[in-house]
Amino acid sequence: MTSEINIDYVLNLEGEPCPFPAMASINAYEDMQSGEVIEIISDCPQSINNIPVDAKKRGHEVLLVEQDGPTFRYIIKHL
């Protein structure tokens, strides 16, 4: 599925403690245009409770949430 998604931005937040990944994601949405897609990578365990929820609250579409060991990968479409 992800091979069909054009990713405009990558935000690698590995090693960043909470709440920084959630805050950085919100800041990134503010700089994006409608229809653009961002890939967010985080190994903060709390990010699973923040990043997808914050994206939906702001009206964006969560295209993918994936976990590989301690690392989460989120793909969000700015709407």
C-alpha atoms as a PDB file:
ATOM      1  CA  MET A   1       0.000   0.000   0.000  1.00  0.00           C
ATOM      2  CA  THR A   2       2.728   2.493   0.961  1.00  0.00           C
ATOM      3  CA  SER A   3       4.480   2.083  -2.367  1.00  0.00           C
ATOM      4  CA  GLU A   4       1.477   3.863  -3.920  1.00  0.00           C
ATOM      5  CA  ILE A   5       1.689   6.830  -1.552  1.00  0.00           C
ATOM      6  CA  ASN A   6       3.780   9.824  -2.560  1.00  0.00           C
ATOM      7  CA  ILE A   7       5.464  11.134   0.564  1.00  0.00           C
ATOM      8  CA  ASP A   8       6.285  14.851   0.527  1.00  0.00           C
ATOM      9  CA  TYR A   9       8.028  15.119   3.898  1.00  0.00           C
ATOM     10  CA  VAL A  10       9.812  12.828   6.336  1.00  0.00           C
ATOM     11  CA  LEU A  11      10.057  13.715  10.012  1.00  0.00           C
ATOM     12  CA  ASN A  12      12.419  11.331  11.800  1.00  0.00           C
ATOM     13  CA  LEU A  13      11.984  11.781  15.546  1.00  0.00           C
ATOM     14  CA  GLU A  14      13.808   8.671  16.720  1.00  0.00           C
ATOM     15  CA  GLY A  15      15.451   9.285  20.070  1.00  0.00           C
ATOM     16  CA  GLU A  16      13.218  12.248  20.895  1.00  0.00           C
ATOM     17  CA  PRO A  17      11.282  11.878  24.160  1.00  0.00           C
ATOM     18  CA  CYS A  18       7.628  12.735  24.598  1.00  0.00           C
ATOM     19  CA  PRO A  19       6.017  15.156  24.177  1.00  0.00           C
ATOM     20  CA  PHE A  20       8.446  16.388  21.496  1.00  0.00           C
ATOM     21  CA  PRO A  21       7.276  14.002  18.705  1.00  0.00           C
ATOM     22  CA  ALA A  22       3.651  15.075  19.122  1.00  0.00           C
ATOM     23  CA  MET A  23       4.583  18.765  19.226  1.00  0.00           C
ATOM     24  CA  ALA A  24       6.918  18.516  16.227  1.00  0.00           C
ATOM     25  CA  SER A  25       4.216  16.711  14.242  1.00  0.00           C
ATOM     26  CA  ILE A  26       1.683  19.442  14.965  1.00  0.00           C
ATOM     27  CA  ASN A  27       4.207  22.097  13.915  1.00  0.00           C
ATOM     28  CA  ALA A  28       4.885  20.208  10.683  1.00  0.00           C
ATOM     29  CA  TYR A  29       1.166  20.102   9.788  1.00  0.00           C
ATOM     30  CA  GLU A  30       1.087  23.905  10.007  1.00  0.00           C
ATOM     31  CA  ASP A  31       3.742  24.186   7.284  1.00  0.00           C
ATOM     32  CA  MET A  32       2.059  21.702   4.927  1.00  0.00           C
ATOM     33  CA  GLN A  33      -0.391  22.305   2.081  1.00  0.00           C
ATOM     34  CA  SER A  34      -3.648  20.419   1.606  1.00  0.00           C
ATOM     35  CA  GLY A  35      -3.030  17.051  -0.033  1.00  0.00           C
ATOM     36  CA  GLU A  36       0.598  16.782   1.040  1.00  0.00           C
ATOM     37  CA  VAL A  37       1.720  13.669   2.894  1.00  0.00           C
ATOM     38  CA  ILE A  38       4.178  13.353   5.760  1.00  0.00           C
ATOM     39  CA  GLU A  39       5.910  10.273   7.102  1.00  0.00           C
ATOM     40  CA  ILE A  40       6.626  10.521  10.834  1.00  0.00           C
ATOM     41  CA  ILE A  41       9.008   8.079  12.509  1.00  0.00           C
ATOM     42  CA  SER A  42       9.180   7.876  16.292  1.00  0.00           C
ATOM     43  CA  ASP A  43      10.388   5.424  18.897  1.00  0.00           C
ATOM     44  CA  CYS A  44       8.592   7.224  21.710  1.00  0.00           C
ATOM     45  CA  PRO A  45       6.075   4.677  23.090  1.00  0.00           C
ATOM     46  CA  GLN A  46       3.524   7.395  23.886  1.00  0.00           C
ATOM     47  CA  SER A  47       3.487   8.597  20.273  1.00  0.00           C
ATOM     48  CA  ILE A  48       0.940   5.905  19.416  1.00  0.00           C
ATOM     49  CA  ASN A  49      -1.469   7.675  21.771  1.00  0.00           C
ATOM     50  CA  ASN A  50      -0.728  11.161  20.460  1.00  0.00           C
ATOM     51  CA  ILE A  51       0.268  11.414  16.802  1.00  0.00           C
ATOM     52  CA  PRO A  52      -2.714   9.644  15.145  1.00  0.00           C
ATOM     53  CA  VAL A  53      -5.212  11.225  17.553  1.00  0.00           C
ATOM     54  CA  ASP A  54      -3.801  14.736  17.096  1.00  0.00           C
ATOM     55  CA  ALA A  55      -3.812  14.320  13.311  1.00  0.00           C
ATOM     56  CA  LYS A  56      -7.471  13.258  13.272  1.00  0.00           C
ATOM     57  CA  LYS A  57      -8.468  16.086  15.641  1.00  0.00           C
ATOM     58  CA  ARG A  58      -6.927  18.557  13.197  1.00  0.00           C
ATOM     59  CA  GLY A  59      -8.881  17.046  10.305  1.00  0.00           C
ATOM     60  CA  HIS A  60      -6.017  15.170   8.660  1.00  0.00           C
ATOM     61  CA  GLU A  61      -6.196  11.631   7.346  1.00  0.00           C
ATOM     62  CA  VAL A  62      -4.129   8.903   8.973  1.00  0.00           C
ATOM     63  CA  LEU A  63      -3.103   6.703   6.048  1.00  0.00           C
ATOM     64  CA  LEU A  64      -0.864   4.269   7.922  1.00  0.00           C
ATOM     65  CA  VAL A  65       0.247   3.341  11.422  1.00  0.00           C
ATOM     66  CA  GLU A  66       2.932   0.686  11.479  1.00  0.00           C
ATOM     67  CA  GLN A  67       5.193  -0.675  14.207  1.00  0.00           C
ATOM     68  CA  ASP A  68       8.560  -2.358  13.747  1.00  0.00           C
ATOM     69  CA  GLY A  69       9.965  -3.243  17.177  1.00  0.00           C
ATOM     70  CA  PRO A  70      10.093  -0.036  19.218  1.00  0.00           C
ATOM     71  CA  THR A  71       9.743   2.196  16.170  1.00  0.00           C
ATOM     72  CA  PHE A  72       6.441   3.571  14.925  1.00  0.00           C
ATOM     73  CA  ARG A  73       5.835   4.851  11.442  1.00  0.00           C
ATOM     74  CA  TYR A  74       2.913   7.137  10.716  1.00  0.00           C
ATOM     75  CA  ILE A  75       1.808   8.407   7.337  1.00  0.00           C
ATOM     76  CA  ILE A  76      -0.497  11.404   7.547  1.00  0.00           C
ATOM     77  CA  LYS A  77      -2.238  13.269   4.727  1.00  0.00           C
ATOM     78  CA  HIS A  78      -2.864  16.949   5.336  1.00  0.00           C
ATOM     79  CA  LEU A  79      -6.460  17.808   4.431  1.00  0.00           C
END
